[in-house]
């Protein structure tokens, strides 16, 4: 028997796996560790993730297509919040398997809302208890797992630490048999469906969020106006959009120092992620009401 015949006999599995949970439970950090590359931005501020982002992990006989989703939240509020919640619900319906991420020993009303959304579709669900390394009294973990196990017929309950990488090998082993048999949907070397232009905008937004935290309200976004490779230098011109003049003043800072700091951190992140020298130019612009305007959300890429 030839080598090619042997290869054809290997059964491959491939499927979509949603990461869902309330805001700030560590879904994006978990995705980045599962695919061994940073593609989803992170910060301590809730609802940092706003888009559905694919992270693709390809093994010799298995391709796991993780779908990072925004945190499902209780308050619908503005159009942006409604769009993000709709993204979570539609993703749960489309995937083969769900990873429901919760945090340490807590169970909240927002967690309950995620569970109700999951229960509307018949999909295998693994419950991941994240940040277990931060639990000081480990004796409390087993009773908590037993309590959570009564809430739904979970395929597995897995304690993990996304940041520390704890138990992620166990998680990967559990996922494989739950994926449907079938050919790979993406090339083996592809790690995401998102463009480098999209990643550049997200990296800028990450640095804004990390540096300003609670100083700046939630309603900021980034729009790339120019994205051109010239030899070994990538030229990026980007607008940071805010809703009020006072927010613009905070972002720019005294004599432009805050904006310079954000730009420097974003440029370093882009060069690391994109493997190119980057010339980054940032401007701050007031666009009133963009987060509650469906047309603006469409143009900014928040609506498929």
Protein backbone atom coordinates (compact mmCIF):
# COMPACT_ATOMS: atom_id res chain seq x y z
CA UNK A 1 0.00 0.00 0.00
CA UNK A 2 1.37 3.42 -0.96
CA UNK A 3 1.84 6.30 1.49
CA UNK A 4 -0.88 8.24 -0.29
CA UNK A 5 -3.37 5.38 0.24
CA UNK A 6 -2.50 5.33 3.95
CA UNK A 7 -3.06 9.07 4.22
CA UNK A 8 -6.48 8.77 2.63
CA UNK A 9 -7.50 6.23 5.29
CA UNK A 10 -6.91 8.68 8.16
CA UNK A 11 -10.28 10.06 9.25
CA UNK A 12 -10.20 13.79 9.69
CA UNK A 13 -12.53 15.84 11.85
CA UNK A 14 -13.42 19.47 11.42
CA UNK A 15 -15.94 21.75 13.06
CA UNK A 16 -16.85 25.13 14.50
CA UNK A 17 -16.56 25.69 18.25
CA UNK A 18 -18.09 28.82 19.82
CA UNK A 19 -16.58 30.47 22.87
CA UNK A 20 -19.44 32.14 24.72
CA UNK A 21 -19.90 33.74 28.11
CA UNK A 22 -20.62 37.00 29.86
CA UNK A 23 -18.19 39.89 29.41
CA UNK A 24 -14.67 39.66 30.84
CA UNK A 25 -14.51 35.93 31.67
CA UNK A 26 -11.41 35.41 29.51
CA UNK A 27 -12.77 34.09 26.19
CA UNK A 28 -10.30 36.02 24.01
CA UNK A 29 -7.30 35.05 26.16
CA UNK A 30 -8.45 31.43 25.91
CA UNK A 31 -8.73 31.63 22.11
CA UNK A 32 -5.23 33.10 21.77
CA UNK A 33 -3.77 30.28 23.87
CA UNK A 34 -5.69 27.53 22.06
CA UNK A 35 -4.33 28.58 18.67
CA UNK A 36 -0.90 29.60 20.06
CA UNK A 37 -1.11 33.04 18.48
CA UNK A 38 -2.67 36.37 19.38
CA UNK A 39 -5.57 37.21 17.07
CA UNK A 40 -8.15 38.49 19.55
CA UNK A 41 -7.45 41.65 21.55
CA UNK A 42 -7.68 41.61 25.33
CA UNK A 43 -8.01 44.06 28.19
CA UNK A 44 -9.48 44.22 31.68
CA UNK A 45 -12.35 46.35 30.40
CA UNK A 46 -15.57 44.36 29.82
CA UNK A 47 -16.81 43.93 26.24
CA UNK A 48 -13.40 44.44 24.65
CA UNK A 49 -14.35 41.87 22.00
CA UNK A 50 -17.00 43.25 19.63
CA UNK A 51 -16.71 41.04 16.56
CA UNK A 52 -17.05 37.38 15.76
CA UNK A 53 -13.46 36.24 15.13
CA UNK A 54 -12.34 32.82 13.89
CA UNK A 55 -9.22 31.19 15.30
CA UNK A 56 -8.17 28.05 13.44
CA UNK A 57 -6.12 25.29 15.07
CA UNK A 58 -5.07 22.55 12.64
CA UNK A 59 -3.62 19.23 13.79
CA UNK A 60 -2.73 16.29 11.47
CA UNK A 61 -6.20 14.74 11.73
CA UNK A 62 -8.32 17.52 13.22
CA UNK A 63 -9.17 21.15 12.45
CA UNK A 64 -10.86 23.06 15.25
CA UNK A 65 -12.35 26.39 14.14
CA UNK A 66 -12.89 28.45 17.28
CA UNK A 67 -15.34 31.34 17.12
CA UNK A 68 -14.65 34.09 19.66
CA UNK A 69 -17.77 36.11 20.43
CA UNK A 70 -18.57 39.31 22.32
CA UNK A 71 -19.68 38.90 25.91
CA UNK A 72 -23.44 38.38 26.15
CA UNK A 73 -24.72 41.13 28.42
CA UNK A 74 -27.99 41.95 30.14
CA UNK A 75 -28.49 45.56 29.05
CA UNK A 76 -29.31 45.87 25.35
CA UNK A 77 -28.83 49.64 25.40
CA UNK A 78 -27.54 51.09 22.15
CA UNK A 79 -27.54 49.55 18.70
CA UNK A 80 -23.93 48.38 19.18
CA UNK A 81 -24.93 46.34 22.25
CA UNK A 82 -27.88 44.80 20.42
CA UNK A 83 -25.68 43.89 17.44
CA UNK A 84 -23.16 42.18 19.72
CA UNK A 85 -25.86 40.18 21.51
CA UNK A 86 -27.33 39.14 18.14
CA UNK A 87 -23.85 38.01 17.06
CA UNK A 88 -23.63 35.67 20.06
CA UNK A 89 -27.09 34.17 19.51
CA UNK A 90 -26.54 33.57 15.77
CA UNK A 91 -23.11 32.03 16.43
CA UNK A 92 -24.53 29.50 18.91
CA UNK A 93 -27.00 28.39 16.24
CA UNK A 94 -24.32 27.98 13.56
CA UNK A 95 -21.58 26.00 15.34
CA UNK A 96 -21.08 22.29 16.05
CA UNK A 97 -20.00 22.67 19.66
CA UNK A 98 -20.14 25.31 22.41
CA UNK A 99 -17.56 26.20 25.05
CA UNK A 100 -19.39 28.07 27.79
CA UNK A 101 -16.83 30.03 29.82
CA UNK A 102 -17.55 31.09 33.40
CA UNK A 103 -15.23 32.52 36.05
CA UNK A 104 -13.87 31.00 39.25
CA UNK A 105 -16.55 30.34 41.91
CA UNK A 106 -19.10 32.87 40.67
CA UNK A 107 -22.44 32.33 38.95
CA UNK A 108 -24.28 35.51 37.99
CA UNK A 109 -27.49 36.64 36.36
CA UNK A 110 -25.45 37.30 33.20
CA UNK A 111 -24.15 33.70 33.28
CA UNK A 112 -27.75 32.55 33.60
CA UNK A 113 -28.67 34.52 30.48
CA UNK A 114 -25.90 32.82 28.50
CA UNK A 115 -27.10 29.42 29.70
CA UNK A 116 -30.66 30.19 28.57
CA UNK A 117 -29.35 31.12 25.12
CA UNK A 118 -27.39 27.87 24.91
CA UNK A 119 -30.42 25.83 25.94
CA UNK A 120 -32.41 27.07 22.92
CA UNK A 121 -30.26 24.90 20.61
CA UNK A 122 -29.30 21.26 20.89
CA UNK A 123 -25.51 21.34 20.73
CA UNK A 124 -22.88 19.63 22.88
CA UNK A 125 -21.71 22.13 25.53
CA UNK A 126 -18.51 22.01 27.54
CA UNK A 127 -18.51 24.22 30.62
CA UNK A 128 -15.12 25.81 31.25
CA UNK A 129 -14.44 27.26 34.68
CA UNK A 130 -11.72 29.80 33.94
CA UNK A 131 -9.19 31.49 36.25
CA UNK A 132 -9.10 28.52 38.66
CA UNK A 133 -5.51 29.48 39.48
CA UNK A 134 -6.97 32.52 41.27
CA UNK A 135 -9.09 30.42 43.65
CA UNK A 136 -7.36 30.57 47.04
CA UNK A 137 -9.40 27.78 48.66
CA UNK A 138 -9.34 24.91 46.14
CA UNK A 139 -11.62 22.84 48.41
CA UNK A 140 -14.52 25.03 47.24
CA UNK A 141 -14.04 24.09 43.58
CA UNK A 142 -15.52 20.57 43.63
CA UNK A 143 -18.82 21.60 45.31
CA UNK A 144 -19.07 24.46 42.80
CA UNK A 145 -18.55 22.04 39.89
CA UNK A 146 -21.23 19.76 41.33
CA UNK A 147 -23.66 22.69 41.59
CA UNK A 148 -22.99 23.82 38.02
CA UNK A 149 -23.42 20.27 36.72
CA UNK A 150 -27.05 20.31 37.86
CA UNK A 151 -27.86 23.33 35.67
CA UNK A 152 -27.45 21.63 32.29
CA UNK A 153 -26.42 18.34 30.73
CA UNK A 154 -22.88 19.48 29.97
CA UNK A 155 -20.68 17.14 27.91
CA UNK A 156 -17.85 17.96 30.33
CA UNK A 157 -17.01 20.46 33.06
CA UNK A 158 -13.37 21.50 32.76
CA UNK A 159 -11.46 23.77 35.18
CA UNK A 160 -8.90 25.82 33.22
CA UNK A 161 -6.63 28.81 33.41
CA UNK A 162 -6.52 30.49 30.00
CA UNK A 163 -3.74 32.86 31.04
CA UNK A 164 -1.62 30.17 32.68
CA UNK A 165 -2.38 27.46 30.11
CA UNK A 166 -3.66 25.12 32.84
CA UNK A 167 -5.58 22.07 31.57
CA UNK A 168 -5.77 23.28 27.95
CA UNK A 169 -4.24 20.00 26.70
CA UNK A 170 -7.08 18.15 28.42
CA UNK A 171 -9.59 20.48 26.78
CA UNK A 172 -8.13 19.90 23.30
CA UNK A 173 -8.30 16.12 23.81
CA UNK A 174 -11.98 16.38 24.81
CA UNK A 175 -12.87 18.52 21.79
CA UNK A 176 -11.57 16.21 19.08
CA UNK A 177 -14.10 13.33 19.35
CA UNK A 178 -16.98 15.83 19.60
CA UNK A 179 -16.21 17.38 16.21
CA UNK A 180 -17.96 15.94 13.15
CA UNK A 181 -15.96 13.82 10.68
CA UNK A 182 -15.11 15.71 7.52
CA UNK A 183 -12.42 17.42 5.46
CA UNK A 184 -10.63 20.56 6.63
CA UNK A 185 -12.33 23.83 5.69
CA UNK A 186 -9.21 26.02 5.80
CA UNK A 187 -5.58 25.62 4.71
CA UNK A 188 -3.42 24.12 7.45
CA UNK A 189 -1.35 27.31 7.84
CA UNK A 190 -4.31 29.71 8.16
CA UNK A 191 -5.02 30.88 11.73
CA UNK A 192 -7.89 33.36 11.26
CA UNK A 193 -10.45 34.60 8.76
CA UNK A 194 -9.70 38.24 9.57
CA UNK A 195 -7.49 40.48 7.43
CA UNK A 196 -4.32 42.17 8.63
CA UNK A 197 -6.12 45.50 8.11
CA UNK A 198 -8.79 44.42 10.60
CA UNK A 199 -6.10 43.26 13.04
CA UNK A 200 -4.37 46.65 12.81
CA UNK A 201 -7.59 48.46 13.78
CA UNK A 202 -8.17 46.06 16.67
CA UNK A 203 -4.63 46.50 17.99
CA UNK A 204 -5.10 50.27 18.08
CA UNK A 205 -8.40 49.83 19.94
CA UNK A 206 -6.72 47.46 22.39
CA UNK A 207 -4.05 50.03 23.25
CA UNK A 208 -6.67 52.77 23.70
CA UNK A 209 -8.68 50.51 26.00
CA UNK A 210 -5.68 49.39 28.03
CA UNK A 211 -4.20 52.86 28.49
CA UNK A 212 -7.42 54.71 29.25
CA UNK A 213 -9.52 52.06 31.01
CA UNK A 214 -12.39 53.70 32.84
CA UNK A 215 -11.23 57.19 31.85
CA UNK A 216 -12.87 56.80 28.47
CA UNK A 217 -16.42 55.49 27.95
CA UNK A 218 -17.13 52.39 25.96
CA UNK A 219 -18.04 54.24 22.75
CA UNK A 220 -14.73 54.43 20.91
CA UNK A 221 -13.87 52.63 17.69
CA UNK A 222 -11.14 52.67 15.05
CA UNK A 223 -11.46 53.21 11.31
CA UNK A 224 -8.52 52.51 8.98
CA UNK A 225 -8.28 55.14 6.23
CA UNK A 226 -5.04 54.02 4.58
CA UNK A 227 -3.33 50.64 4.66
CA UNK A 228 -0.52 50.32 2.13
CA UNK A 229 2.64 48.24 1.97
CA UNK A 230 5.58 50.10 0.45
CA UNK A 231 8.58 47.81 0.28
CA UNK A 232 9.30 46.62 3.80
CA UNK A 233 7.25 49.40 5.42
CA UNK A 234 3.51 49.27 6.09
CA UNK A 235 1.85 52.70 6.11
CA UNK A 236 -1.28 52.89 8.28
CA UNK A 237 -3.50 55.95 8.73
CA UNK A 238 -6.25 55.46 11.31
CA UNK A 239 -9.07 57.45 12.89
CA UNK A 240 -10.03 56.87 16.51
CA UNK A 241 -13.71 57.78 16.66
CA UNK A 242 -15.33 59.12 19.81
CA UNK A 243 -18.81 60.51 20.46
CA UNK A 244 -18.08 63.71 22.40
CA UNK A 245 -15.48 66.53 22.25
CA UNK A 246 -14.52 65.87 25.88
CA UNK A 247 -13.58 62.29 24.97
CA UNK A 248 -11.35 63.58 22.18
CA UNK A 249 -9.52 65.79 24.65
CA UNK A 250 -8.92 62.84 27.01
CA UNK A 251 -7.62 60.68 24.18
CA UNK A 252 -5.18 63.25 22.87
CA UNK A 253 -3.92 64.21 26.33
CA UNK A 254 -1.76 67.15 27.33
CA UNK A 255 0.27 68.32 24.32
CA UNK A 256 -0.70 65.11 22.51
CA UNK A 257 1.27 62.87 24.89
CA UNK A 258 -1.50 60.31 25.45
CA UNK A 259 -2.13 59.84 21.72
CA UNK A 260 1.62 59.48 21.10
CA UNK A 261 1.83 56.79 23.76
CA UNK A 262 -1.13 54.91 22.28
CA UNK A 263 0.39 55.18 18.80
CA UNK A 264 3.77 53.90 19.94
CA UNK A 265 2.26 50.86 21.70
CA UNK A 266 -0.03 50.12 18.72
CA UNK A 267 2.84 50.36 16.24
CA UNK A 268 4.97 47.94 18.28
CA UNK A 269 2.02 45.52 18.47
CA UNK A 270 1.46 45.71 14.71
CA UNK A 271 5.12 45.12 13.90
CA UNK A 272 5.12 42.04 16.11
CA UNK A 273 1.84 40.67 14.74
CA UNK A 274 2.30 41.56 11.07
CA UNK A 275 6.05 41.05 10.68
CA UNK A 276 6.71 44.39 9.01
CA UNK A 277 7.98 47.83 9.89
CA UNK A 278 5.01 50.12 10.46
CA UNK A 279 4.56 53.86 9.98
CA UNK A 280 1.41 54.69 11.95
CA UNK A 281 -0.48 57.97 11.86
CA UNK A 282 -3.39 58.46 14.29
CA UNK A 283 -6.09 61.10 14.44
CA UNK A 284 -9.02 61.48 16.83
CA UNK A 285 -12.38 62.51 15.40
CA UNK A 286 -15.78 63.16 16.99
CA UNK A 287 -18.62 61.24 15.31
CA UNK A 288 -21.67 61.78 17.48
CA UNK A 289 -24.00 58.82 18.01
CA UNK A 290 -22.08 56.27 15.93
CA UNK A 291 -22.69 53.47 18.47
CA UNK A 292 -26.47 53.85 18.18
CA UNK A 293 -26.65 54.25 14.40
CA UNK A 294 -27.17 51.09 12.34
CA UNK A 295 -25.81 52.71 9.18
CA UNK A 296 -22.61 53.78 10.97
CA UNK A 297 -22.24 50.31 12.49
CA UNK A 298 -22.61 48.76 9.04
CA UNK A 299 -19.91 51.00 7.54
CA UNK A 300 -17.59 50.28 10.47
CA UNK A 301 -17.90 46.51 9.98
CA UNK A 302 -20.00 45.64 13.02
CA UNK A 303 -22.86 44.16 11.01
CA UNK A 304 -22.32 41.25 8.60
